[in-house]
């Protein structure tokens, strides 16, 4: 993924007790989660932005209550029908 550097001004009060690098890491994870949730980024691209592998990112999404599997109502119904027939 090509990168771009963005300068963001943060009030010093937010940095009390937190290293800049940690704050940047948290911001990147938050942005990645939000862009994934909005369907702007795929799971792979969002994981990359967050600096995590897919398994770690999936765990992070789950901890924040963000759905990883995205089924339309029709797809979900088809899956349910399939699973019922597999018994």
N, C-alpha and C. Protein backbone atom coordinates (compact mmCIF):
# COMPACT_ATOMS: atom_id res chain seq x y z
N UNK A 1 0.86 -1.16 0.00
CA UNK A 1 0.00 0.00 0.00
C UNK A 1 0.91 1.23 0.00
N UNK A 2 0.68 2.14 -0.92
CA UNK A 2 1.43 3.39 -0.94
C UNK A 2 1.07 4.20 0.30
N UNK A 3 2.02 4.95 0.79
CA UNK A 3 1.77 5.71 2.01
C UNK A 3 1.92 7.20 1.78
N UNK A 4 1.34 7.95 2.64
CA UNK A 4 1.40 9.41 2.64
C UNK A 4 1.56 9.83 4.09
N UNK A 5 2.35 10.85 4.33
CA UNK A 5 2.52 11.36 5.69
C UNK A 5 1.55 12.50 5.91
N UNK A 6 0.85 12.44 7.03
CA UNK A 6 -0.12 13.48 7.39
C UNK A 6 0.26 14.04 8.75
N UNK A 7 0.34 15.35 8.85
CA UNK A 7 0.61 16.00 10.13
C UNK A 7 -0.71 16.32 10.80
N UNK A 8 -0.86 15.90 12.05
CA UNK A 8 -2.08 16.16 12.81
C UNK A 8 -1.68 16.83 14.11
N UNK A 9 -2.33 17.91 14.43
CA UNK A 9 -2.06 18.60 15.68
C UNK A 9 -2.96 18.02 16.76
N UNK A 10 -2.33 17.60 17.87
CA UNK A 10 -3.02 16.97 18.99
C UNK A 10 -2.78 17.83 20.23
N UNK A 11 -3.82 18.12 20.99
CA UNK A 11 -3.60 18.86 22.24
C UNK A 11 -2.63 18.11 23.15
N UNK A 12 -1.72 18.82 23.76
CA UNK A 12 -0.71 18.19 24.63
C UNK A 12 -1.35 17.40 25.76
N UNK A 13 -2.54 17.80 26.20
CA UNK A 13 -3.21 17.10 27.29
C UNK A 13 -3.47 15.64 26.93
N UNK A 14 -3.66 15.36 25.65
CA UNK A 14 -3.91 13.97 25.23
C UNK A 14 -2.66 13.11 25.31
N UNK A 15 -1.51 13.75 25.35
CA UNK A 15 -0.25 13.01 25.39
C UNK A 15 0.24 12.75 26.80
N UNK A 16 -0.47 13.26 27.80
CA UNK A 16 -0.04 13.04 29.18
C UNK A 16 -0.12 11.55 29.47
N UNK A 17 1.01 10.99 29.83
CA UNK A 17 1.07 9.57 30.18
C UNK A 17 1.05 8.63 28.98
N UNK A 18 1.17 9.17 27.77
CA UNK A 18 1.16 8.33 26.58
C UNK A 18 2.27 8.79 25.63
N UNK A 19 3.01 7.83 25.14
CA UNK A 19 4.05 8.15 24.17
C UNK A 19 3.42 8.47 22.82
N UNK A 20 4.05 9.36 22.06
CA UNK A 20 3.53 9.75 20.74
C UNK A 20 3.36 8.53 19.84
N UNK A 21 4.33 7.63 19.88
CA UNK A 21 4.28 6.45 19.01
C UNK A 21 3.05 5.58 19.33
N UNK A 22 2.75 5.45 20.62
CA UNK A 22 1.58 4.66 21.04
C UNK A 22 0.29 5.32 20.57
N UNK A 23 0.22 6.65 20.68
CA UNK A 23 -0.96 7.37 20.23
C UNK A 23 -1.14 7.20 18.72
N UNK A 24 -0.06 7.32 17.97
CA UNK A 24 -0.13 7.15 16.51
C UNK A 24 -0.61 5.74 16.18
N UNK A 25 -0.10 4.73 16.89
CA UNK A 25 -0.52 3.35 16.69
C UNK A 25 -2.02 3.19 16.94
N UNK A 26 -2.51 3.77 18.03
CA UNK A 26 -3.94 3.68 18.37
C UNK A 26 -4.81 4.39 17.33
N UNK A 27 -4.35 5.54 16.85
CA UNK A 27 -5.10 6.28 15.83
C UNK A 27 -5.19 5.46 14.55
N UNK A 28 -4.09 4.85 14.15
CA UNK A 28 -4.10 4.03 12.94
C UNK A 28 -5.06 2.85 13.08
N UNK A 29 -5.08 2.22 14.23
CA UNK A 29 -5.99 1.10 14.46
C UNK A 29 -7.44 1.58 14.40
N UNK A 30 -7.73 2.71 15.05
CA UNK A 30 -9.08 3.25 15.04
C UNK A 30 -9.54 3.59 13.62
N UNK A 31 -8.67 4.25 12.87
CA UNK A 31 -9.02 4.61 11.49
C UNK A 31 -9.25 3.35 10.65
N UNK A 32 -8.38 2.36 10.82
CA UNK A 32 -8.53 1.11 10.07
C UNK A 32 -9.85 0.42 10.40
N UNK A 33 -10.20 0.38 11.68
CA UNK A 33 -11.47 -0.24 12.08
C UNK A 33 -12.65 0.51 11.47
N UNK A 34 -12.60 1.82 11.54
CA UNK A 34 -13.72 2.63 11.03
C UNK A 34 -13.86 2.49 9.52
N UNK A 35 -12.74 2.52 8.80
CA UNK A 35 -12.80 2.39 7.34
C UNK A 35 -13.24 0.99 6.93
N UNK A 36 -12.89 -0.01 7.72
CA UNK A 36 -13.38 -1.36 7.46
C UNK A 36 -14.88 -1.43 7.71
N UNK A 37 -15.30 -0.86 8.82
CA UNK A 37 -16.73 -0.86 9.17
C UNK A 37 -17.56 -0.16 8.11
N UNK A 38 -17.03 0.91 7.53
CA UNK A 38 -17.74 1.65 6.48
C UNK A 38 -17.60 1.02 5.10
N UNK A 39 -16.88 -0.11 5.04
CA UNK A 39 -16.65 -0.85 3.79
C UNK A 39 -15.81 -0.06 2.79
N UNK A 40 -14.96 0.83 3.31
CA UNK A 40 -14.03 1.58 2.47
C UNK A 40 -12.80 0.73 2.19
N UNK A 41 -12.36 -0.03 3.21
CA UNK A 41 -11.19 -0.90 3.08
C UNK A 41 -11.59 -2.36 3.27
N UNK A 42 -10.89 -3.22 2.55
CA UNK A 42 -11.07 -4.66 2.75
C UNK A 42 -10.42 -5.05 4.07
N UNK A 43 -10.65 -6.27 4.49
CA UNK A 43 -10.05 -6.76 5.72
C UNK A 43 -8.52 -6.73 5.62
N UNK A 44 -7.99 -7.14 4.48
CA UNK A 44 -6.55 -7.17 4.29
C UNK A 44 -5.93 -5.78 4.34
N UNK A 45 -6.54 -4.82 3.63
CA UNK A 45 -6.01 -3.46 3.61
C UNK A 45 -6.15 -2.78 4.97
N UNK A 46 -7.26 -3.03 5.65
CA UNK A 46 -7.46 -2.45 6.98
C UNK A 46 -6.45 -3.03 7.96
N UNK A 47 -6.19 -4.33 7.86
CA UNK A 47 -5.18 -4.98 8.71
C UNK A 47 -3.82 -4.34 8.49
N UNK A 48 -3.50 -4.12 7.22
CA UNK A 48 -2.22 -3.52 6.87
C UNK A 48 -2.10 -2.11 7.45
N UNK A 49 -3.16 -1.31 7.31
CA UNK A 49 -3.16 0.04 7.85
C UNK A 49 -2.98 0.03 9.37
N UNK A 50 -3.62 -0.94 10.02
CA UNK A 50 -3.54 -1.04 11.48
C UNK A 50 -2.20 -1.59 11.95
N UNK A 51 -1.41 -2.12 11.02
CA UNK A 51 -0.12 -2.69 11.40
C UNK A 51 -0.25 -4.03 12.09
N UNK A 52 -1.31 -4.77 11.74
CA UNK A 52 -1.57 -6.07 12.36
C UNK A 52 -1.74 -7.12 11.27
N UNK A 53 -1.54 -8.39 11.63
CA UNK A 53 -1.90 -9.43 10.67
C UNK A 53 -3.42 -9.61 10.73
N UNK A 54 -3.97 -10.36 9.79
CA UNK A 54 -5.43 -10.47 9.71
C UNK A 54 -6.04 -11.06 10.98
N UNK A 55 -5.41 -12.07 11.55
CA UNK A 55 -5.95 -12.68 12.77
C UNK A 55 -5.99 -11.68 13.92
N UNK A 56 -4.93 -10.92 14.08
CA UNK A 56 -4.88 -9.90 15.14
C UNK A 56 -5.94 -8.83 14.91
N UNK A 57 -6.10 -8.43 13.64
CA UNK A 57 -7.08 -7.39 13.33
C UNK A 57 -8.51 -7.88 13.54
N UNK A 58 -8.76 -9.13 13.18
CA UNK A 58 -10.08 -9.72 13.41
C UNK A 58 -10.39 -9.72 14.91
N UNK A 59 -9.40 -10.07 15.72
CA UNK A 59 -9.58 -10.06 17.17
C UNK A 59 -9.87 -8.64 17.67
N UNK A 60 -9.16 -7.66 17.12
CA UNK A 60 -9.39 -6.26 17.50
C UNK A 60 -10.80 -5.83 17.12
N UNK A 61 -11.23 -6.18 15.91
CA UNK A 61 -12.60 -5.85 15.49
C UNK A 61 -13.62 -6.46 16.43
N UNK A 62 -13.42 -7.72 16.77
CA UNK A 62 -14.35 -8.41 17.67
C UNK A 62 -14.41 -7.75 19.03
N UNK A 63 -13.25 -7.35 19.56
CA UNK A 63 -13.22 -6.68 20.86
C UNK A 63 -13.99 -5.37 20.85
N UNK A 64 -14.08 -4.75 19.67
CA UNK A 64 -14.78 -3.47 19.55
C UNK A 64 -16.20 -3.63 18.99
N UNK A 65 -16.66 -4.88 18.89
CA UNK A 65 -18.04 -5.14 18.47
C UNK A 65 -18.31 -4.88 17.00
N UNK A 66 -17.28 -4.97 16.18
CA UNK A 66 -17.44 -4.75 14.74
C UNK A 66 -17.52 -6.11 14.06
N UNK A 67 -18.58 -6.31 13.27
CA UNK A 67 -18.78 -7.58 12.58
C UNK A 67 -17.68 -7.84 11.57
N UNK A 68 -17.16 -9.04 11.59
CA UNK A 68 -16.12 -9.42 10.65
C UNK A 68 -16.76 -10.06 9.43
N UNK A 69 -17.72 -10.96 9.66
CA UNK A 69 -18.44 -11.60 8.56
C UNK A 69 -19.60 -10.72 8.14
N UNK A 70 -19.68 -10.49 6.86
CA UNK A 70 -20.73 -9.60 6.34
C UNK A 70 -21.59 -10.38 5.36
N UNK A 71 -22.76 -10.74 5.81
CA UNK A 71 -23.70 -11.42 4.95
C UNK A 71 -24.90 -10.52 4.71
N UNK A 72 -25.37 -10.51 3.47
CA UNK A 72 -26.65 -9.86 3.22
C UNK A 72 -27.72 -10.80 3.78
N UNK A 73 -28.92 -10.32 3.90
CA UNK A 73 -30.01 -11.15 4.42
C UNK A 73 -30.20 -12.39 3.54
N UNK A 74 -30.09 -12.20 2.24
CA UNK A 74 -30.25 -13.31 1.30
C UNK A 74 -29.13 -14.33 1.47
N UNK A 75 -27.89 -13.85 1.57
CA UNK A 75 -26.75 -14.76 1.74
C UNK A 75 -26.87 -15.54 3.04
N UNK A 76 -27.28 -14.88 4.10
CA UNK A 76 -27.44 -15.54 5.39
C UNK A 76 -28.51 -16.62 5.30
N UNK A 77 -29.63 -16.32 4.65
CA UNK A 77 -30.70 -17.31 4.49
C UNK A 77 -30.22 -18.51 3.69
N UNK A 78 -29.43 -18.28 2.65
CA UNK A 78 -28.88 -19.38 1.85
C UNK A 78 -27.94 -20.25 2.69
N UNK A 79 -27.11 -19.61 3.51
CA UNK A 79 -26.21 -20.37 4.38
C UNK A 79 -26.99 -21.22 5.37
N UNK A 80 -28.04 -20.65 5.95
CA UNK A 80 -28.87 -21.38 6.91
C UNK A 80 -29.53 -22.58 6.23
N UNK A 81 -30.08 -22.37 5.03
CA UNK A 81 -30.70 -23.47 4.27
C UNK A 81 -29.67 -24.57 4.00
N UNK A 82 -28.48 -24.16 3.58
CA UNK A 82 -27.43 -25.12 3.28
C UNK A 82 -27.06 -25.93 4.52
N UNK A 83 -26.88 -25.24 5.64
CA UNK A 83 -26.48 -25.92 6.88
C UNK A 83 -27.57 -26.86 7.37
N UNK A 84 -28.83 -26.46 7.23
CA UNK A 84 -29.93 -27.34 7.64
C UNK A 84 -29.97 -28.59 6.78
N UNK A 85 -29.65 -28.44 5.49
CA UNK A 85 -29.64 -29.58 4.57
C UNK A 85 -28.44 -30.49 4.78
N UNK A 86 -27.40 -29.99 5.41
CA UNK A 86 -26.18 -30.77 5.60
C UNK A 86 -26.29 -31.75 6.77
N UNK A 87 -27.33 -31.65 7.56
CA UNK A 87 -27.49 -32.52 8.73
C UNK A 87 -27.83 -33.94 8.34
